[in-house]
Amino acid sequence: HKDIPSATEGFVSLKRKLFPNTQRQQYLDSILPEIKGSDVRK
């Protein structure tokens, strides 16, 4: 549980970098859009 903040930060940063269309005005809101396997395969 004490590693959740750094894991969340890393996940959001990676998601925003690889899938810029998931970015939201509030940083943590970028977690909400789901990435599907078909998105990854593109």
PDB file of all heavy atoms in Angstrom:
ATOM      1  N   HIS A   1       0.811  -1.219   0.000  1.00  0.00           N
ATOM      2  CA  HIS A   1       0.000   0.000   0.000  1.00  0.00           C
ATOM      3  C   HIS A   1       0.843   1.268   0.000  1.00  0.00           C
ATOM      4  O   HIS A   1       0.457   2.270  -0.577  1.00  0.00           O
ATOM      5  CB  HIS A   1      -0.971   0.006   1.187  1.00  0.00           C
ATOM      6  CG  HIS A   1      -0.336   0.311   2.505  1.00  0.00           C
ATOM      7  ND1 HIS A   1       0.388  -0.629   3.206  1.00  0.00           N
ATOM      8  CD2 HIS A   1      -0.307   1.452   3.225  1.00  0.00           C
ATOM      9  CE1 HIS A   1       0.828  -0.064   4.319  1.00  0.00           C
ATOM     10  NE2 HIS A   1       0.424   1.192   4.353  1.00  0.00           N
ATOM     11  N   LYS A   2       2.017   1.237   0.578  1.00  0.00           N
ATOM     12  CA  LYS A   2       2.836   2.456   0.620  1.00  0.00           C
ATOM     13  C   LYS A   2       3.486   2.762  -0.734  1.00  0.00           C
ATOM     14  O   LYS A   2       3.965   3.860  -0.960  1.00  0.00           O
ATOM     15  CB  LYS A   2       3.882   2.374   1.722  1.00  0.00           C
ATOM     16  CG  LYS A   2       4.907   1.303   1.547  1.00  0.00           C
ATOM     17  CD  LYS A   2       5.879   1.301   2.730  1.00  0.00           C
ATOM     18  CE  LYS A   2       6.836   0.153   2.577  1.00  0.00           C
ATOM     19  NZ  LYS A   2       6.647  -0.928   3.496  1.00  0.00           N
ATOM     20  N   ASP A   3       3.469   1.794  -1.669  1.00  0.00           N
ATOM     21  CA  ASP A   3       4.024   2.005  -3.003  1.00  0.00           C
ATOM     22  C   ASP A   3       2.969   2.456  -4.011  1.00  0.00           C
ATOM     23  O   ASP A   3       3.299   2.739  -5.170  1.00  0.00           O
ATOM     24  CB  ASP A   3       4.694   0.725  -3.507  1.00  0.00           C
ATOM     25  CG  ASP A   3       5.899   0.343  -2.677  1.00  0.00           C
ATOM     26  OD1 ASP A   3       6.599   1.256  -2.202  1.00  0.00           O
ATOM     27  OD2 ASP A   3       6.133  -0.872  -2.487  1.00  0.00           O
ATOM     28  N   ILE A   4       1.716   2.528  -3.608  1.00  0.00           N
ATOM     29  CA  ILE A   4       0.644   2.902  -4.526  1.00  0.00           C
ATOM     30  C   ILE A   4       0.836   4.307  -5.115  1.00  0.00           C
ATOM     31  O   ILE A   4       0.663   4.481  -6.324  1.00  0.00           O
ATOM     32  CB  ILE A   4      -0.735   2.728  -3.875  1.00  0.00           C
ATOM     33  CG1 ILE A   4      -1.021   1.227  -3.746  1.00  0.00           C
ATOM     34  CG2 ILE A   4      -1.836   3.413  -4.680  1.00  0.00           C
ATOM     35  CD1 ILE A   4      -2.310   0.887  -3.063  1.00  0.00           C
ATOM     36  N   PRO A   5       1.194   5.329  -4.332  1.00  0.00           N
ATOM     37  CA  PRO A   5       1.370   6.659  -4.947  1.00  0.00           C
ATOM     38  C   PRO A   5       2.421   6.684  -6.069  1.00  0.00           C
ATOM     39  O   PRO A   5       2.164   7.240  -7.138  1.00  0.00           O
ATOM     40  CB  PRO A   5       1.786   7.552  -3.773  1.00  0.00           C
ATOM     41  CG  PRO A   5       1.191   6.875  -2.576  1.00  0.00           C
ATOM     42  CD  PRO A   5       1.314   5.400  -2.863  1.00  0.00           C
ATOM     43  N   SER A   6       3.570   6.058  -5.871  1.00  0.00           N
ATOM     44  CA  SER A   6       4.595   6.080  -6.919  1.00  0.00           C
ATOM     45  C   SER A   6       4.195   5.205  -8.107  1.00  0.00           C
ATOM     46  O   SER A   6       4.474   5.549  -9.262  1.00  0.00           O
ATOM     47  CB  SER A   6       5.960   5.658  -6.371  1.00  0.00           C
ATOM     48  OG  SER A   6       5.929   4.332  -5.904  1.00  0.00           O
ATOM     49  N   ALA A   7       3.514   4.087  -7.858  1.00  0.00           N
ATOM     50  CA  ALA A   7       3.043   3.246  -8.958  1.00  0.00           C
ATOM     51  C   ALA A   7       1.975   3.982  -9.772  1.00  0.00           C
ATOM     52  O   ALA A   7       1.969   3.913 -11.006  1.00  0.00           O
ATOM     53  CB  ALA A   7       2.483   1.934  -8.420  1.00  0.00           C
ATOM     54  N   THR A   8       1.101   4.701  -9.107  1.00  0.00           N
ATOM     55  CA  THR A   8       0.068   5.483  -9.788  1.00  0.00           C
ATOM     56  C   THR A   8       0.700   6.571 -10.636  1.00  0.00           C
ATOM     57  O   THR A   8       0.324   6.772 -11.795  1.00  0.00           O
ATOM     58  CB  THR A   8      -0.909   6.101  -8.762  1.00  0.00           C
ATOM     59  OG1 THR A   8      -1.498   5.048  -7.994  1.00  0.00           O
ATOM     60  CG2 THR A   8      -1.992   6.912  -9.450  1.00  0.00           C
ATOM     61  N   GLU A   9       1.675   7.269 -10.088  1.00  0.00           N
ATOM     62  CA  GLU A   9       2.388   8.323 -10.820  1.00  0.00           C
ATOM     63  C   GLU A   9       3.042   7.752 -12.080  1.00  0.00           C
ATOM     64  O   GLU A   9       2.921   8.314 -13.171  1.00  0.00           O
ATOM     65  CB  GLU A   9       3.448   8.958  -9.923  1.00  0.00           C
ATOM     66  CG  GLU A   9       4.357   9.938 -10.622  1.00  0.00           C
ATOM     67  CD  GLU A   9       3.685  11.245 -10.961  1.00  0.00           C
ATOM     68  OE1 GLU A   9       2.720  11.614 -10.274  1.00  0.00           O
ATOM     69  OE2 GLU A   9       4.138  11.896 -11.914  1.00  0.00           O
ATOM     70  N   GLY A  10       3.710   6.628 -11.953  1.00  0.00           N
ATOM     71  CA  GLY A  10       4.355   5.992 -13.096  1.00  0.00           C
ATOM     72  C   GLY A  10       3.356   5.547 -14.147  1.00  0.00           C
ATOM     73  O   GLY A  10       3.577   5.727 -15.352  1.00  0.00           O
ATOM     74  N   PHE A  11       2.240   4.965 -13.702  1.00  0.00           N
ATOM     75  CA  PHE A  11       1.201   4.500 -14.623  1.00  0.00           C
ATOM     76  C   PHE A  11       0.597   5.656 -15.398  1.00  0.00           C
ATOM     77  O   PHE A  11       0.468   5.606 -16.626  1.00  0.00           O
ATOM     78  CB  PHE A  11       0.117   3.747 -13.844  1.00  0.00           C
ATOM     79  CG  PHE A  11      -1.076   3.390 -14.685  1.00  0.00           C
ATOM     80  CD1 PHE A  11      -1.009   2.362 -15.606  1.00  0.00           C
ATOM     81  CD2 PHE A  11      -2.260   4.084 -14.553  1.00  0.00           C
ATOM     82  CE1 PHE A  11      -2.106   2.037 -16.396  1.00  0.00           C
ATOM     83  CE2 PHE A  11      -3.362   3.767 -15.329  1.00  0.00           C
ATOM     84  CZ  PHE A  11      -3.279   2.738 -16.254  1.00  0.00           C
ATOM     85  N   VAL A  12       0.225   6.727 -14.692  1.00  0.00           N
ATOM     86  CA  VAL A  12      -0.401   7.873 -15.359  1.00  0.00           C
ATOM     87  C   VAL A  12       0.582   8.532 -16.333  1.00  0.00           C
ATOM     88  O   VAL A  12       0.215   8.872 -17.459  1.00  0.00           O
ATOM     89  CB  VAL A  12      -0.942   8.892 -14.334  1.00  0.00           C
ATOM     90  CG1 VAL A  12      -1.411  10.165 -15.015  1.00  0.00           C
ATOM     91  CG2 VAL A  12      -2.077   8.286 -13.533  1.00  0.00           C
ATOM     92  N   SER A  13       1.835   8.673 -15.926  1.00  0.00           N
ATOM     93  CA  SER A  13       2.838   9.280 -16.807  1.00  0.00           C
ATOM     94  C   SER A  13       3.022   8.453 -18.079  1.00  0.00           C
ATOM     95  O   SER A  13       3.085   9.012 -19.182  1.00  0.00           O
ATOM     96  CB  SER A  13       4.179   9.417 -16.080  1.00  0.00           C
ATOM     97  OG  SER A  13       4.067  10.316 -15.015  1.00  0.00           O
ATOM     98  N   LEU A  14       3.117   7.137 -17.937  1.00  0.00           N
ATOM     99  CA  LEU A  14       3.291   6.265 -19.095  1.00  0.00           C
ATOM    100  C   LEU A  14       2.060   6.306 -19.996  1.00  0.00           C
ATOM    101  O   LEU A  14       2.169   6.391 -21.225  1.00  0.00           O
ATOM    102  CB  LEU A  14       3.562   4.837 -18.630  1.00  0.00           C
ATOM    103  CG  LEU A  14       3.853   3.821 -19.721  1.00  0.00           C
ATOM    104  CD1 LEU A  14       5.127   4.191 -20.474  1.00  0.00           C
ATOM    105  CD2 LEU A  14       3.989   2.429 -19.114  1.00  0.00           C
ATOM    106  N   LYS A  15       0.876   6.270 -19.404  1.00  0.00           N
ATOM    107  CA  LYS A  15      -0.364   6.294 -20.187  1.00  0.00           C
ATOM    108  C   LYS A  15      -0.490   7.604 -20.955  1.00  0.00           C
ATOM    109  O   LYS A  15      -0.845   7.605 -22.132  1.00  0.00           O
ATOM    110  CB  LYS A  15      -1.562   6.106 -19.253  1.00  0.00           C
ATOM    111  CG  LYS A  15      -2.880   5.969 -19.987  1.00  0.00           C
ATOM    112  CD  LYS A  15      -3.983   5.616 -19.008  1.00  0.00           C
ATOM    113  CE  LYS A  15      -5.308   5.474 -19.701  1.00  0.00           C
ATOM    114  NZ  LYS A  15      -6.391   5.184 -18.765  1.00  0.00           N
ATOM    115  N   ARG A  16      -0.163   8.731 -20.315  1.00  0.00           N
ATOM    116  CA  ARG A  16      -0.250  10.030 -20.983  1.00  0.00           C
ATOM    117  C   ARG A  16       0.779  10.150 -22.105  1.00  0.00           C
ATOM    118  O   ARG A  16       0.527  10.803 -23.111  1.00  0.00           O
ATOM    119  CB  ARG A  16      -0.087  11.146 -19.964  1.00  0.00           C
ATOM    120  CG  ARG A  16      -1.300  11.285 -19.050  1.00  0.00           C
ATOM    121  CD  ARG A  16      -1.049  12.218 -17.888  1.00  0.00           C
ATOM    122  NE  ARG A  16      -0.749  13.557 -18.303  1.00  0.00           N
ATOM    123  CZ  ARG A  16      -1.586  14.597 -18.209  1.00  0.00           C
ATOM    124  NH1 ARG A  16      -2.783  14.396 -17.693  1.00  0.00           N
ATOM    125  NH2 ARG A  16      -1.233  15.777 -18.599  1.00  0.00           N
ATOM    126  N   LYS A  17       1.928   9.506 -21.937  1.00  0.00           N
ATOM    127  CA  LYS A  17       2.968   9.548 -22.961  1.00  0.00           C
ATOM    128  C   LYS A  17       2.582   8.686 -24.169  1.00  0.00           C
ATOM    129  O   LYS A  17       2.703   9.121 -25.320  1.00  0.00           O
ATOM    130  CB  LYS A  17       4.291   9.061 -22.376  1.00  0.00           C
ATOM    131  CG  LYS A  17       5.420   9.001 -23.378  1.00  0.00           C
ATOM    132  CD  LYS A  17       6.685   8.480 -22.737  1.00  0.00           C
ATOM    133  CE  LYS A  17       7.784   8.328 -23.765  1.00  0.00           C
ATOM    134  NZ  LYS A  17       8.999   7.753 -23.175  1.00  0.00           N
ATOM    135  N   LEU A  18       2.131   7.454 -23.921  1.00  0.00           N
ATOM    136  CA  LEU A  18       1.840   6.521 -25.003  1.00  0.00           C
ATOM    137  C   LEU A  18       0.469   6.739 -25.644  1.00  0.00           C
ATOM    138  O   LEU A  18       0.262   6.394 -26.801  1.00  0.00           O
ATOM    139  CB  LEU A  18       1.952   5.080 -24.498  1.00  0.00           C
ATOM    140  CG  LEU A  18       3.337   4.659 -24.004  1.00  0.00           C
ATOM    141  CD1 LEU A  18       3.307   3.243 -23.464  1.00  0.00           C
ATOM    142  CD2 LEU A  18       4.375   4.796 -25.114  1.00  0.00           C
ATOM    143  N   PHE A  19      -0.474   7.265 -24.873  1.00  0.00           N
ATOM    144  CA  PHE A  19      -1.833   7.503 -25.360  1.00  0.00           C
ATOM    145  C   PHE A  19      -2.238   8.938 -25.019  1.00  0.00           C
ATOM    146  O   PHE A  19      -3.037   9.168 -24.117  1.00  0.00           O
ATOM    147  CB  PHE A  19      -2.811   6.508 -24.735  1.00  0.00           C
ATOM    148  CG  PHE A  19      -2.503   5.079 -25.087  1.00  0.00           C
ATOM    149  CD1 PHE A  19      -1.742   4.299 -24.239  1.00  0.00           C
ATOM    150  CD2 PHE A  19      -2.953   4.531 -26.268  1.00  0.00           C
ATOM    151  CE1 PHE A  19      -1.434   2.989 -24.567  1.00  0.00           C
ATOM    152  CE2 PHE A  19      -2.667   3.224 -26.612  1.00  0.00           C
ATOM    153  CZ  PHE A  19      -1.900   2.449 -25.758  1.00  0.00           C
ATOM    154  N   PRO A  20      -1.678   9.923 -25.735  1.00  0.00           N
ATOM    155  CA  PRO A  20      -1.929  11.331 -25.395  1.00  0.00           C
ATOM    156  C   PRO A  20      -3.401  11.732 -25.444  1.00  0.00           C
ATOM    157  O   PRO A  20      -3.800  12.684 -24.774  1.00  0.00           O
ATOM    158  CB  PRO A  20      -1.113  12.116 -26.415  1.00  0.00           C
ATOM    159  CG  PRO A  20      -0.571  11.149 -27.393  1.00  0.00           C
ATOM    160  CD  PRO A  20      -0.793   9.771 -26.862  1.00  0.00           C
ATOM    161  N   ASN A  21      -4.216  11.007 -26.203  1.00  0.00           N
ATOM    162  CA  ASN A  21      -5.647  11.343 -26.266  1.00  0.00           C
ATOM    163  C   ASN A  21      -6.381  11.002 -24.979  1.00  0.00           C
ATOM    164  O   ASN A  21      -7.549  11.343 -24.827  1.00  0.00           O
ATOM    165  CB  ASN A  21      -6.313  10.646 -27.455  1.00  0.00           C
ATOM    166  CG  ASN A  21      -6.219   9.139 -27.370  1.00  0.00           C
ATOM    167  OD1 ASN A  21      -5.256   8.599 -26.826  1.00  0.00           O
ATOM    168  ND2 ASN A  21      -7.193   8.449 -27.910  1.00  0.00           N
ATOM    169  N   THR A  22      -5.731  10.334 -24.022  1.00  0.00           N
ATOM    170  CA  THR A  22      -6.372  10.026 -22.733  1.00  0.00           C
ATOM    171  C   THR A  22      -6.123  11.128 -21.705  1.00  0.00           C
ATOM    172  O   THR A  22      -6.642  11.058 -20.596  1.00  0.00           O
ATOM    173  CB  THR A  22      -5.857   8.696 -22.150  1.00  0.00           C
ATOM    174  OG1 THR A  22      -4.463   8.810 -21.864  1.00  0.00           O
ATOM    175  CG2 THR A  22      -6.112   7.547 -23.109  1.00  0.00           C
ATOM    176  N   GLN A  23      -5.339  12.127 -22.064  1.00  0.00           N
ATOM    177  CA  GLN A  23      -5.017  13.191 -21.107  1.00  0.00           C
ATOM    178  C   GLN A  23      -6.267  13.986 -20.750  1.00  0.00           C
ATOM    179  O   GLN A  23      -7.090  14.282 -21.602  1.00  0.00           O
ATOM    180  CB  GLN A  23      -3.952  14.116 -21.680  1.00  0.00           C
ATOM    181  CG  GLN A  23      -2.612  13.455 -21.813  1.00  0.00           C
ATOM    182  CD  GLN A  23      -1.528  14.422 -22.243  1.00  0.00           C
ATOM    183  OE1 GLN A  23      -1.628  15.606 -22.034  1.00  0.00           O
ATOM    184  NE2 GLN A  23      -0.489  13.884 -22.850  1.00  0.00           N
ATOM    185  N   ARG A  24      -6.371  14.314 -19.497  1.00  0.00           N
ATOM    186  CA  ARG A  24      -7.479  15.112 -18.983  1.00  0.00           C
ATOM    187  C   ARG A  24      -6.899  16.318 -18.258  1.00  0.00           C
ATOM    188  O   ARG A  24      -5.723  16.345 -17.900  1.00  0.00           O
ATOM    189  CB  ARG A  24      -8.336  14.291 -18.011  1.00  0.00           C
ATOM    190  CG  ARG A  24      -8.985  13.058 -18.645  1.00  0.00           C
ATOM    191  CD  ARG A  24      -9.992  13.491 -19.706  1.00  0.00           C
ATOM    192  NE  ARG A  24     -10.711  12.376 -20.271  1.00  0.00           N
ATOM    193  CZ  ARG A  24     -10.428  11.804 -21.428  1.00  0.00           C
ATOM    194  NH1 ARG A  24      -9.390  12.204 -22.141  1.00  0.00           N
ATOM    195  NH2 ARG A  24     -11.161  10.821 -21.890  1.00  0.00           N
ATOM    196  N   GLN A  25      -7.748  17.306 -18.021  1.00  0.00           N
ATOM    197  CA  GLN A  25      -7.285  18.526 -17.365  1.00  0.00           C
ATOM    198  C   GLN A  25      -6.730  18.213 -15.973  1.00  0.00           C
ATOM    199  O   GLN A  25      -5.667  18.690 -15.598  1.00  0.00           O
ATOM    200  CB  GLN A  25      -8.421  19.539 -17.276  1.00  0.00           C
ATOM    201  CG  GLN A  25      -7.960  20.890 -16.782  1.00  0.00           C
ATOM    202  CD  GLN A  25      -9.054  21.936 -16.892  1.00  0.00           C
ATOM    203  OE1 GLN A  25     -10.213  21.619 -17.133  1.00  0.00           O
ATOM    204  NE2 GLN A  25      -8.688  23.175 -16.719  1.00  0.00           N
ATOM    205  N   GLN A  26      -7.441  17.409 -15.204  1.00  0.00           N
ATOM    206  CA  GLN A  26      -6.954  16.981 -13.904  1.00  0.00           C
ATOM    207  C   GLN A  26      -6.077  15.750 -14.116  1.00  0.00           C
ATOM    208  O   GLN A  26      -6.505  14.775 -14.737  1.00  0.00           O
ATOM    209  CB  GLN A  26      -8.118  16.647 -12.965  1.00  0.00           C
ATOM    210  CG  GLN A  26      -8.998  17.834 -12.637  1.00  0.00           C
ATOM    211  CD  GLN A  26      -8.263  18.889 -11.835  1.00  0.00           C
ATOM    212  OE1 GLN A  26      -7.441  18.586 -10.975  1.00  0.00           O
ATOM    213  NE2 GLN A  26      -8.541  20.147 -12.133  1.00  0.00           N
ATOM    214  N   TYR A  27      -4.852  15.782 -13.615  1.00  0.00           N
ATOM    215  CA  TYR A  27      -3.856  14.752 -13.883  1.00  0.00           C
ATOM    216  C   TYR A  27      -4.370  13.339 -13.618  1.00  0.00           C
ATOM    217  O   TYR A  27      -4.277  12.471 -14.477  1.00  0.00           O
ATOM    218  CB  TYR A  27      -2.603  15.034 -13.038  1.00  0.00           C
ATOM    219  CG  TYR A  27      -1.461  14.106 -13.313  1.00  0.00           C
ATOM    220  CD1 TYR A  27      -0.713  14.226 -14.468  1.00  0.00           C
ATOM    221  CD2 TYR A  27      -1.111  13.112 -12.410  1.00  0.00           C
ATOM    222  CE1 TYR A  27       0.347  13.378 -14.724  1.00  0.00           C
ATOM    223  CE2 TYR A  27      -0.050  12.261 -12.652  1.00  0.00           C
ATOM    224  CZ  TYR A  27       0.674  12.404 -13.812  1.00  0.00           C
ATOM    225  OH  TYR A  27       1.722  11.564 -14.067  1.00  0.00           O
ATOM    226  N   LEU A  28      -4.934  13.103 -12.443  1.00  0.00           N
ATOM    227  CA  LEU A  28      -5.383  11.749 -12.100  1.00  0.00           C
ATOM    228  C   LEU A  28      -6.611  11.306 -12.888  1.00  0.00           C
ATOM    229  O   LEU A  28      -6.882  10.114 -12.998  1.00  0.00           O
ATOM    230  CB  LEU A  28      -5.646  11.622 -10.602  1.00  0.00           C
ATOM    231  CG  LEU A  28      -4.396  11.601  -9.725  1.00  0.00           C
ATOM    232  CD1 LEU A  28      -4.782  11.525  -8.253  1.00  0.00           C
ATOM    233  CD2 LEU A  28      -3.480  10.447 -10.088  1.00  0.00           C
ATOM    234  N   ASP A  29      -7.340  12.243 -13.494  1.00  0.00           N
ATOM    235  CA  ASP A  29      -8.479  11.866 -14.332  1.00  0.00           C
ATOM    236  C   ASP A  29      -8.033  11.127 -15.591  1.00  0.00           C
ATOM    237  O   ASP A  29      -8.842  10.476 -16.253  1.00  0.00           O
ATOM    238  CB  ASP A  29      -9.303  13.092 -14.720  1.00  0.00           C
ATOM    239  CG  ASP A  29     -10.142  13.623 -13.565  1.00  0.00           C
ATOM    240  OD1 ASP A  29     -10.268  12.901 -12.543  1.00  0.00           O
ATOM    241  OD2 ASP A  29     -10.649  14.747 -13.665  1.00  0.00           O
ATOM    242  N   SER A  30      -6.737  11.190 -15.917  1.00  0.00           N
ATOM    243  CA  SER A  30      -6.208  10.463 -17.070  1.00  0.00           C
ATOM    244  C   SER A  30      -6.273   8.955 -16.858  1.00  0.00           C
ATOM    245  O   SER A  30      -6.116   8.180 -17.804  1.00  0.00           O
ATOM    246  CB  SER A  30      -4.766  10.879 -17.357  1.00  0.00           C
ATOM    247  OG  SER A  30      -4.718  12.234 -17.741  1.00  0.00           O
ATOM    248  N   ILE A  31      -6.503   8.515 -15.632  1.00  0.00           N
ATOM    249  CA  ILE A  31      -6.664   7.090 -15.346  1.00  0.00           C
ATOM    250  C   ILE A  31      -7.977   6.567 -15.930  1.00  0.00           C
ATOM    251  O   ILE A  31      -8.065   5.412 -16.354  1.00  0.00           O
ATOM    252  CB  ILE A  31      -6.642   6.835 -13.813  1.00  0.00           C
ATOM    253  CG1 ILE A  31      -5.248   7.073 -13.269  1.00  0.00           C
ATOM    254  CG2 ILE A  31      -7.129   5.444 -13.473  1.00  0.00           C
ATOM    255  CD1 ILE A  31      -5.160   6.971 -11.762  1.00  0.00           C
ATOM    256  N   LEU A  32      -8.994   7.401 -15.990  1.00  0.00           N
ATOM    257  CA  LEU A  32     -10.354   6.953 -16.310  1.00  0.00           C
ATOM    258  C   LEU A  32     -10.549   6.368 -17.705  1.00  0.00           C
ATOM    259  O   LEU A  32     -11.216   5.337 -17.831  1.00  0.00           O
ATOM    260  CB  LEU A  32     -11.336   8.103 -16.075  1.00  0.00           C
ATOM    261  CG  LEU A  32     -11.396   8.603 -14.620  1.00  0.00           C
ATOM    262  CD1 LEU A  32     -12.315   9.811 -14.519  1.00  0.00           C
ATOM    263  CD2 LEU A  32     -11.833   7.495 -13.685  1.00  0.00           C
ATOM    264  N   PRO A  33     -10.022   6.978 -18.790  1.00  0.00           N
ATOM    265  CA  PRO A  33     -10.246   6.357 -20.104  1.00  0.00           C
ATOM    266  C   PRO A  33      -9.573   4.974 -20.197  1.00  0.00           C
ATOM    267  O   PRO A  33      -8.410   4.813 -19.867  1.00  0.00           O
ATOM    268  CB  PRO A  33      -9.589   7.332 -21.090  1.00  0.00           C
ATOM    269  CG  PRO A  33      -9.454   8.607 -20.348  1.00  0.00           C
ATOM    270  CD  PRO A  33      -9.308   8.235 -18.909  1.00  0.00           C
ATOM    271  N   GLU A  34     -10.339   3.989 -20.645  1.00  0.00           N
ATOM    272  CA  GLU A  34      -9.836   2.634 -20.727  1.00  0.00           C
ATOM    273  C   GLU A  34      -9.081   2.432 -22.030  1.00  0.00           C
ATOM    274  O   GLU A  34      -9.486   2.889 -23.089  1.00  0.00           O
ATOM    275  CB  GLU A  34     -11.008   1.649 -20.640  1.00  0.00           C
ATOM    276  CG  GLU A  34     -10.578   0.221 -20.528  1.00  0.00           C
ATOM    277  CD  GLU A  34     -11.744  -0.725 -20.288  1.00  0.00           C
ATOM    278  OE1 GLU A  34     -12.902  -0.270 -20.230  1.00  0.00           O
ATOM    279  OE2 GLU A  34     -11.496  -1.925 -20.154  1.00  0.00           O
ATOM    280  N   ILE A  35      -7.950   1.738 -21.948  1.00  0.00           N
ATOM    281  CA  ILE A  35      -7.160   1.378 -23.126  1.00  0.00           C
ATOM    282  C   ILE A  35      -7.507  -0.074 -23.470  1.00  0.00           C
ATOM    283  O   ILE A  35      -7.336  -0.969 -22.653  1.00  0.00           O
ATOM    284  CB  ILE A  35      -5.642   1.501 -22.860  1.00  0.00           C
ATOM    285  CG1 ILE A  35      -5.289   2.912 -22.398  1.00  0.00           C
ATOM    286  CG2 ILE A  35      -4.855   1.099 -24.096  1.00  0.00           C
ATOM    287  CD1 ILE A  35      -5.540   3.992 -23.389  1.00  0.00           C
ATOM    288  N   LYS A  36      -8.002  -0.307 -24.653  1.00  0.00           N
ATOM    289  CA  LYS A  36      -8.377  -1.636 -25.102  1.00  0.00           C
ATOM    290  C   LYS A  36      -7.204  -2.305 -25.817  1.00  0.00           C
ATOM    291  O   LYS A  36      -6.289  -1.634 -26.300  1.00  0.00           O
ATOM    292  CB  LYS A  36      -9.575  -1.563 -26.055  1.00  0.00           C
ATOM    293  CG  LYS A  36     -10.838  -1.060 -25.398  1.00  0.00           C
ATOM    294  CD  LYS A  36     -11.321  -2.081 -24.409  1.00  0.00           C
ATOM    295  CE  LYS A  36     -12.715  -1.778 -23.906  1.00  0.00           C
ATOM    296  NZ  LYS A  36     -13.161  -2.753 -22.955  1.00  0.00           N
ATOM    297  N   GLY A  37      -7.245  -3.611 -25.913  1.00  0.00           N
ATOM    298  CA  GLY A  37      -6.201  -4.353 -26.614  1.00  0.00           C
ATOM    299  C   GLY A  37      -6.053  -3.926 -28.054  1.00  0.00           C
ATOM    300  O   GLY A  37      -4.953  -3.865 -28.601  1.00  0.00           O
ATOM    301  N   SER A  38      -7.178  -3.574 -28.701  1.00  0.00           N
ATOM    302  CA  SER A  38      -7.101  -3.120 -30.096  1.00  0.00           C
ATOM    303  C   SER A  38      -6.351  -1.797 -30.196  1.00  0.00           C
ATOM    304  O   SER A  38      -5.676  -1.538 -31.181  1.00  0.00           O
ATOM    305  CB  SER A  38      -8.500  -2.992 -30.684  1.00  0.00           C
ATOM    306  OG  SER A  38      -9.282  -2.089 -29.933  1.00  0.00           O
ATOM    307  N   ASP A  39      -6.425  -0.957 -29.147  1.00  0.00           N
ATOM    308  CA  ASP A  39      -5.647   0.293 -29.119  1.00  0.00           C
ATOM    309  C   ASP A  39      -4.159  -0.003 -29.041  1.00  0.00           C
ATOM    310  O   ASP A  39      -3.351   0.635 -29.708  1.00  0.00           O
ATOM    311  CB  ASP A  39      -6.051   1.164 -27.920  1.00  0.00           C
ATOM    312  CG  ASP A  39      -7.498   1.581 -27.946  1.00  0.00           C
ATOM    313  OD1 ASP A  39      -8.016   1.844 -29.053  1.00  0.00           O
ATOM    314  OD2 ASP A  39      -8.118   1.649 -26.868  1.00  0.00           O
ATOM    315  N   VAL A  40      -3.801  -0.976 -28.228  1.00  0.00           N
ATOM    316  CA  VAL A  40      -2.394  -1.345 -28.055  1.00  0.00           C
ATOM    317  C   VAL A  40      -1.838  -1.956 -29.340  1.00  0.00           C
ATOM    318  O   VAL A  40      -0.718  -1.666 -29.747  1.00  0.00           O
ATOM    319  CB  VAL A  40      -2.221  -2.327 -26.868  1.00  0.00           C
ATOM    320  CG1 VAL A  40      -0.799  -2.820 -26.765  1.00  0.00           C
ATOM    321  CG2 VAL A  40      -2.660  -1.657 -25.565  1.00  0.00           C
ATOM    322  N   ARG A  41      -2.653  -2.778 -29.999  1.00  0.00           N
ATOM    323  CA  ARG A  41      -2.192  -3.425 -31.233  1.00  0.00           C
ATOM    324  C   ARG A  41      -1.973  -2.438 -32.367  1.00  0.00           C
ATOM    325  O   ARG A  41      -1.219  -2.710 -33.287  1.00  0.00           O
ATOM    326  CB  ARG A  41      -3.197  -4.497 -31.673  1.00  0.00           C
ATOM    327  CG  ARG A  41      -3.220  -5.684 -30.753  1.00  0.00           C
ATOM    328  CD  ARG A  41      -4.039  -6.822 -31.281  1.00  0.00           C
ATOM    329  NE  ARG A  41      -5.188  -6.414 -32.072  1.00  0.00           N
ATOM    330  CZ  ARG A  41      -6.297  -7.109 -32.197  1.00  0.00           C
ATOM    331  NH1 ARG A  41      -6.420  -8.256 -31.573  1.00  0.00           N
ATOM    332  NH2 ARG A  41      -7.293  -6.689 -32.930  1.00  0.00           N
ATOM    333  N   LYS A  42      -2.641  -1.285 -32.344  1.00  0.00           N
ATOM    334  CA  LYS A  42      -2.463  -0.278 -33.393  1.00  0.00           C
ATOM    335  C   LYS A  42      -1.053   0.237 -33.341  1.00  0.00           C
ATOM    336  O   LYS A  42      -0.457   0.702 -34.194  1.00  0.00           O
ATOM    337  CB  LYS A  42      -3.453   0.864 -33.233  1.00  0.00           C
ATOM    338  CG  LYS A  42      -4.873   0.484 -33.530  1.00  0.00           C
ATOM    339  CD  LYS A  42      -5.786   1.650 -33.287  1.00  0.00           C
ATOM    340  CE  LYS A  42      -7.232   1.244 -33.363  1.00  0.00           C
ATOM    341  NZ  LYS A  42      -8.141   2.299 -32.976  1.00  0.00           N
TER     342      LYS A  42
END
